[in-house]
Protein backbone atom coordinates (compact mmCIF):
# COMPACT_ATOMS: atom_id res chain seq x y z
CA MET A 1 108.23 110.28 102.85
CA ALA A 2 106.76 111.28 106.51
CA SER A 3 105.97 107.78 108.29
CA PHE A 4 102.40 106.68 108.34
CA PRO A 5 101.04 106.59 112.17
CA ARG A 6 101.40 103.71 114.20
CA PRO A 7 100.55 102.11 116.82
CA ALA A 8 102.55 103.04 120.07
CA SER A 9 103.47 99.63 120.38
CA ALA A 10 104.70 99.55 116.52
CA ALA A 11 107.56 102.46 117.91
CA ARG A 12 109.48 100.58 119.81
CA ASN A 13 112.46 99.36 117.49
CA SER A 14 110.61 99.67 114.45
CA PRO A 15 112.10 99.41 110.98
CA ALA A 16 113.99 102.16 108.55
CA PRO A 17 111.62 103.08 106.52
CA ARG A 18 110.84 102.01 103.44
CA THR A 19 109.61 104.69 100.54
CA PRO A 20 109.35 104.84 96.89
CA PHE A 21 111.51 106.69 94.84
CA ALA A 22 111.80 110.53 96.38
CA GLY A 23 109.37 112.37 94.01
CA SER A 24 107.44 109.49 92.43
CA PRO A 25 103.85 109.69 91.86
CA LEU A 26 102.84 107.23 94.80
CA SER A 27 105.53 108.49 97.29
CA ALA A 28 104.07 112.47 96.45
CA CYS A 29 99.77 110.91 96.99
CA PHE A 30 100.79 109.42 99.63
CA SER A 31 102.55 112.30 101.32
CA ARG A 32 99.69 114.24 100.49
CA LEU A 33 97.06 111.78 101.87
CA LEU A 34 99.04 112.09 105.27
CA ALA A 35 99.07 115.84 105.79
CA GLU A 36 95.23 115.63 104.74
CA ARG A 37 94.85 112.50 107.09
CA ARG A 38 92.71 110.35 105.14
CA PRO A 39 92.72 107.24 103.19
CA ALA A 40 93.65 106.63 99.35
CA LEU A 41 91.10 105.78 97.45
CA ILE A 42 92.27 102.92 94.71
CA PRO A 43 89.51 101.59 91.71
CA TYR A 44 90.49 98.72 89.04
CA PHE A 45 89.63 98.72 86.66
CA MET A 46 91.13 96.18 83.62
CA ALA A 47 92.11 97.73 80.30
CA GLY A 48 89.37 96.71 77.35
CA PHE A 49 86.80 95.39 79.41
CA PRO A 50 83.96 96.29 78.32
CA SER A 51 86.33 97.92 75.78
CA ALA A 52 88.97 100.74 75.54
CA ALA A 53 86.79 104.09 75.04
CA ALA A 54 84.99 102.29 78.06
CA THR A 55 88.12 101.97 79.97
CA ARG A 56 89.03 105.17 79.32
CA ASP A 57 86.02 106.78 80.18
CA LEU A 58 85.96 104.59 83.38
CA LEU A 59 89.22 106.15 84.45
CA ALA A 60 87.97 109.29 84.14
CA ARG A 61 84.85 109.03 85.91
CA ALA A 62 86.65 107.69 88.65
CA VAL A 63 88.92 110.81 89.02
CA ASP A 64 86.15 112.63 89.25
CA ALA A 65 84.58 110.89 91.68
CA GLY A 66 87.62 111.33 93.65
CA ALA A 67 90.07 108.70 92.97
CA ASP A 68 93.58 108.25 94.60
CA VAL A 69 94.95 105.99 93.12
CA LEU A 70 94.32 104.24 89.54
CA GLU A 71 94.91 100.15 88.84
CA LEU A 72 94.41 98.94 85.84
CA GLY A 73 94.74 95.16 85.12
CA SER A 74 96.24 94.30 81.83
CA PRO A 75 94.51 91.39 80.34
CA PHE A 76 96.24 87.71 80.60
CA SER A 77 95.24 84.33 79.78
CA ASP A 78 95.93 82.84 83.10
CA PRO A 79 94.95 85.25 85.58
CA LEU A 80 95.72 83.33 88.51
CA ALA A 81 95.34 85.70 91.51
CA ASP A 82 91.88 86.87 90.04
CA GLY A 83 88.41 85.48 90.60
CA PRO A 84 85.74 85.07 88.30
CA ALA A 85 84.49 88.54 87.65
CA ILE A 86 87.88 89.51 86.89
CA GLN A 87 88.90 86.54 84.95
CA GLN A 88 85.84 87.28 82.61
CA ALA A 89 86.42 90.70 82.13
CA SER A 90 90.36 90.03 80.99
CA HIS A 91 89.02 87.12 78.81
CA HIS A 92 86.23 89.10 77.24
CA ALA A 93 88.88 91.70 76.65
CA LEU A 94 91.93 89.74 75.39
CA GLU A 95 88.48 88.64 72.42
CA ASN A 96 88.73 92.32 71.53
CA GLY A 97 92.18 92.25 70.99
CA MET A 98 93.10 94.09 74.27
CA THR A 99 97.45 93.92 74.66
CA LEU A 100 99.49 95.45 76.97
CA ASP A 101 99.89 97.99 74.21
CA GLY A 102 96.33 99.27 74.48
CA ALA A 103 96.61 98.59 78.13
CA LEU A 104 99.87 101.28 77.99
CA ARG A 105 97.69 103.58 75.40
CA ILE A 106 94.75 103.62 77.86
CA ALA A 107 97.35 104.38 80.73
CA GLU A 108 98.93 107.15 79.02
CA ALA A 109 95.58 108.91 77.97
CA SER A 110 94.42 109.14 81.69
CA ALA A 111 98.05 110.65 82.82
CA ALA A 112 97.68 112.77 79.96
CA ARG A 113 94.52 114.49 81.47
CA ALA A 114 95.01 114.09 85.58
CA SER A 115 97.40 113.70 87.89
CA VAL A 116 96.38 110.56 89.65
CA PRO A 117 99.20 108.00 89.49
CA ILE A 118 98.10 105.24 87.75
CA VAL A 119 99.27 101.35 89.18
CA LEU A 120 99.56 98.64 86.04
CA MET A 121 98.59 95.12 87.45
CA THR A 122 100.07 92.52 84.78
CA TYR A 123 101.78 89.48 84.83
CA VAL A 124 105.37 88.40 84.71
CA ASN A 125 104.91 86.18 81.03
CA VAL A 126 103.20 89.46 79.85
CA LEU A 127 106.65 91.52 80.60
CA LEU A 128 109.16 88.60 79.69
CA ALA A 129 106.80 88.48 76.15
CA GLY A 130 107.73 92.14 74.83
CA GLY A 131 111.81 91.46 76.51
CA PHE A 132 111.48 92.74 80.59
CA GLU A 133 113.22 95.39 80.35
CA LEU A 134 111.83 97.01 77.01
CA SER A 135 108.50 96.17 78.94
CA LEU A 136 109.30 98.44 81.60
CA ALA A 137 110.70 100.89 79.29
CA ARG A 138 107.28 101.43 77.84
CA ILE A 139 105.29 101.36 81.19
CA ARG A 140 107.34 103.84 82.55
CA SER A 141 107.08 106.21 78.97
CA ALA A 142 103.26 105.31 79.57
CA GLY A 143 103.33 107.61 82.55
CA VAL A 144 102.27 104.35 84.84
CA ALA A 145 103.86 105.34 88.38
CA GLY A 146 104.07 101.27 89.88
CA LEU A 147 103.35 97.66 88.83
CA ILE A 148 101.89 95.12 90.44
CA ILE A 149 103.14 91.40 89.19
CA PRO A 150 101.62 89.67 91.74
CA ASP A 151 102.77 86.15 90.84
CA LEU A 152 106.78 87.49 90.56
CA SER A 153 107.76 86.27 94.03
CA LEU A 154 110.10 87.36 96.16
CA GLU A 155 112.58 84.86 94.74
CA ALA A 156 112.13 84.55 91.49
CA GLY A 157 112.00 88.52 91.49
CA ARG A 158 115.73 89.31 92.74
CA ASP A 159 117.22 89.28 89.21
CA LEU A 160 114.22 91.29 87.88
CA LEU A 161 113.42 93.75 90.77
CA PRO A 162 117.18 95.84 89.40
CA SER A 163 116.21 96.27 86.37
CA VAL A 164 112.17 97.80 87.69
CA ARG A 165 113.93 100.42 90.13
CA ALA A 166 116.54 101.21 87.24
CA ALA A 167 113.63 102.19 85.13
CA ARG A 168 111.30 104.03 87.85
CA LEU A 169 108.60 102.35 88.74
CA ASP A 170 107.45 101.32 92.22
CA LEU A 171 107.02 97.76 92.52
CA VAL A 172 104.08 97.11 94.84
CA GLN A 173 104.26 93.76 96.59
CA LEU A 174 101.25 91.76 97.82
CA ALA A 175 100.43 90.56 101.77
CA ALA A 176 98.15 88.01 102.65
CA PRO A 177 97.62 87.19 106.17
CA THR A 178 99.11 84.10 106.46
CA SER A 179 102.57 85.54 105.75
CA PRO A 180 104.61 84.98 108.99
CA THR A 181 105.75 87.92 110.55
CA ALA A 182 109.53 87.23 108.51
CA ARG A 183 107.73 86.92 105.36
CA LEU A 184 105.95 90.55 105.89
CA ARG A 185 108.69 91.70 106.73
CA ALA A 186 110.71 90.74 103.35
CA LEU A 187 107.91 91.81 101.84
CA ALA A 188 107.76 95.56 103.15
CA GLY A 189 111.25 95.38 101.86
CA ALA A 190 111.38 94.60 98.35
CA SER A 191 107.76 96.88 98.09
CA ARG A 192 107.72 100.56 96.95
CA GLY A 193 105.31 102.65 96.93
CA PHE A 194 102.72 100.72 99.34
CA LEU A 195 102.46 97.11 100.38
CA TYR A 196 99.04 95.67 99.26
CA MET A 197 97.77 94.32 101.66
CA VAL A 198 95.37 90.90 100.50
CA SER A 199 92.26 91.24 103.14
CA VAL A 200 91.75 87.23 102.73
CA THR A 201 93.15 83.75 101.56
CA GLY A 202 92.19 82.65 97.84
CA VAL A 203 91.71 85.04 94.85
CA THR A 204 89.80 88.22 94.22
CA GLY A 205 85.64 89.03 94.32
CA VAL A 206 83.00 90.39 96.51
CA ARG A 207 83.14 89.29 100.02
CA ALA A 208 79.67 90.07 102.16
CA SER A 209 81.88 91.10 105.28
CA VAL A 210 85.40 92.37 106.10
CA ALA A 211 87.34 89.53 107.45
CA SER A 212 87.95 89.53 111.41
CA ASP A 213 91.42 89.17 111.66
CA LEU A 214 92.28 91.88 109.32
CA GLU A 215 92.71 94.53 111.94
CA ALA A 216 95.40 92.05 113.67
CA PHE A 217 96.79 91.41 110.17
CA VAL A 218 97.47 95.24 109.92
CA ALA A 219 98.98 96.00 113.25
CA ARG A 220 101.07 92.47 112.22
CA ALA A 221 102.84 94.99 109.05
CA ARG A 222 102.86 97.85 110.84
CA ARG A 223 104.85 96.71 113.27
CA VAL A 224 107.58 96.10 110.41
CA THR A 225 107.29 98.88 107.92
CA GLU A 226 106.70 102.58 107.39
CA LEU A 227 105.26 102.05 104.20
CA PRO A 228 101.52 102.86 103.59
CA LEU A 229 99.01 99.61 104.10
CA CYS A 230 96.65 99.93 101.55
CA VAL A 231 93.99 96.55 101.42
CA GLY A 232 91.65 95.37 98.69
CA PHE A 233 91.02 91.21 97.51
CA GLY A 234 86.39 91.31 98.54
CA VAL A 235 86.07 94.92 99.14
CA ALA A 236 81.93 95.32 98.12
CA GLY A 237 80.78 98.61 98.91
CA PRO A 238 81.09 101.57 101.60
CA GLU A 239 80.16 99.84 104.62
CA GLN A 240 83.40 98.18 103.86
CA ALA A 241 85.20 100.74 102.81
CA ALA A 242 84.72 102.31 105.85
CA ARG A 243 86.05 99.38 108.04
CA ILE A 244 89.26 99.56 105.90
CA GLY A 245 89.48 102.82 106.26
CA ARG A 246 90.20 103.30 109.80
CA ILE A 247 92.89 100.91 110.11
CA ALA A 248 94.12 101.22 106.66
CA ASP A 249 96.13 103.66 104.44
CA GLY A 250 93.77 103.28 101.15
CA VAL A 251 91.27 100.93 99.97
CA VAL A 252 91.40 99.07 96.92
CA ILE A 253 87.62 97.74 95.03
CA GLY A 254 87.81 95.38 91.52
CA SER A 255 85.45 92.72 91.39
CA ALA A 256 82.55 94.98 92.62
CA LEU A 257 83.38 97.78 89.87
CA VAL A 258 83.98 95.57 87.26
CA LYS A 259 80.19 93.31 87.92
CA LEU A 260 78.60 97.06 88.17
CA LEU A 261 79.85 96.67 84.16
CA ARG A 262 78.65 93.03 83.87
CA GLU A 263 75.19 93.51 84.71
CA ALA A 264 74.23 97.05 83.55
CA ASP A 265 71.77 97.58 80.85
CA GLY A 266 74.37 98.49 78.39
CA VAL A 267 77.87 100.42 79.13
CA PRO A 268 76.66 104.23 80.11
CA GLN A 269 74.14 102.61 82.51
CA GLY A 270 77.67 100.30 83.68
CA ALA A 271 79.61 103.62 83.85
CA ALA A 272 76.66 105.51 85.76
CA ARG A 273 76.83 102.97 88.31
CA VAL A 274 80.27 102.77 89.10
CA GLN A 275 80.69 106.41 89.30
CA ARG A 276 77.72 106.57 91.87
CA LEU A 277 79.67 103.52 93.54
CA LEU A 278 82.85 105.63 93.80
CA CYS A 279 81.37 108.83 94.74
CA ALA A 280 79.58 106.77 98.24
CA LEU A 281 83.17 104.85 98.82
CA ARG A 282 84.90 108.54 99.03
CA ARG A 283 82.39 110.39 101.40
CA ALA A 284 82.65 106.54 103.47
CA LEU A 285 86.23 106.88 104.02
CA PRO A 286 87.02 108.14 107.17
CA ALA A 287 88.89 111.37 108.06
CA ARG A 288 91.12 110.40 110.77
CA SER A 289 91.70 112.31 114.10
């Protein structure tokens, strides 16, 4: 995969490119976006919220609105990386009987409908419960392209990472703004597909504005990796997305979508509001000169 444009100051002492598996769906997606000179739109949905059928419809609407990658959450009883909105959605989904297998059926239906790559966000205990390698095989066979496992640290994941790679899944690492440069380099070295840049310290949730130090954080990461850099946690609307899209390679939005669904007067209204917001985000994301 060709490297993404970086500031001239980052060209000196640049790292070797860290790419996903040749021909992987995420590799192909970001190569296309690089050629089109535009950032990725990556919406997040919780599998089973408001229902399994609604999630399938939301994924289809997101593709129609111009999503480049889909992030699908599998509900978990202790979602430590998630703020109140997604925690409530996870609890709702679990109460409705959603499981990892149910989330994978939703992913499989979406993968069969469209070629937009799907990244599954789940927790390590969910994968271990079904046998780690067996879980990975099920995930891959459902057409999922990548994994985000927020509670799997670099150190704890050393013994598990070979299995993820053997399953030909891109494991996306999360980098926090407090990460020292050496830690950023290590996270980038272990990541495939893209590096997920957490825009703020803390958990997911809508924020009123973009963090003032985000540009410096992204620039720091550019100096240690040639992976695409996608920013999430706290994105609320088109204005924030446009600002992020000028410095990053992708924008992830989740809590704002969950909030629209929760506050709507019924699923149809919520789904329509989500689609309108995603269309507005797609229009707001800037093309690179």
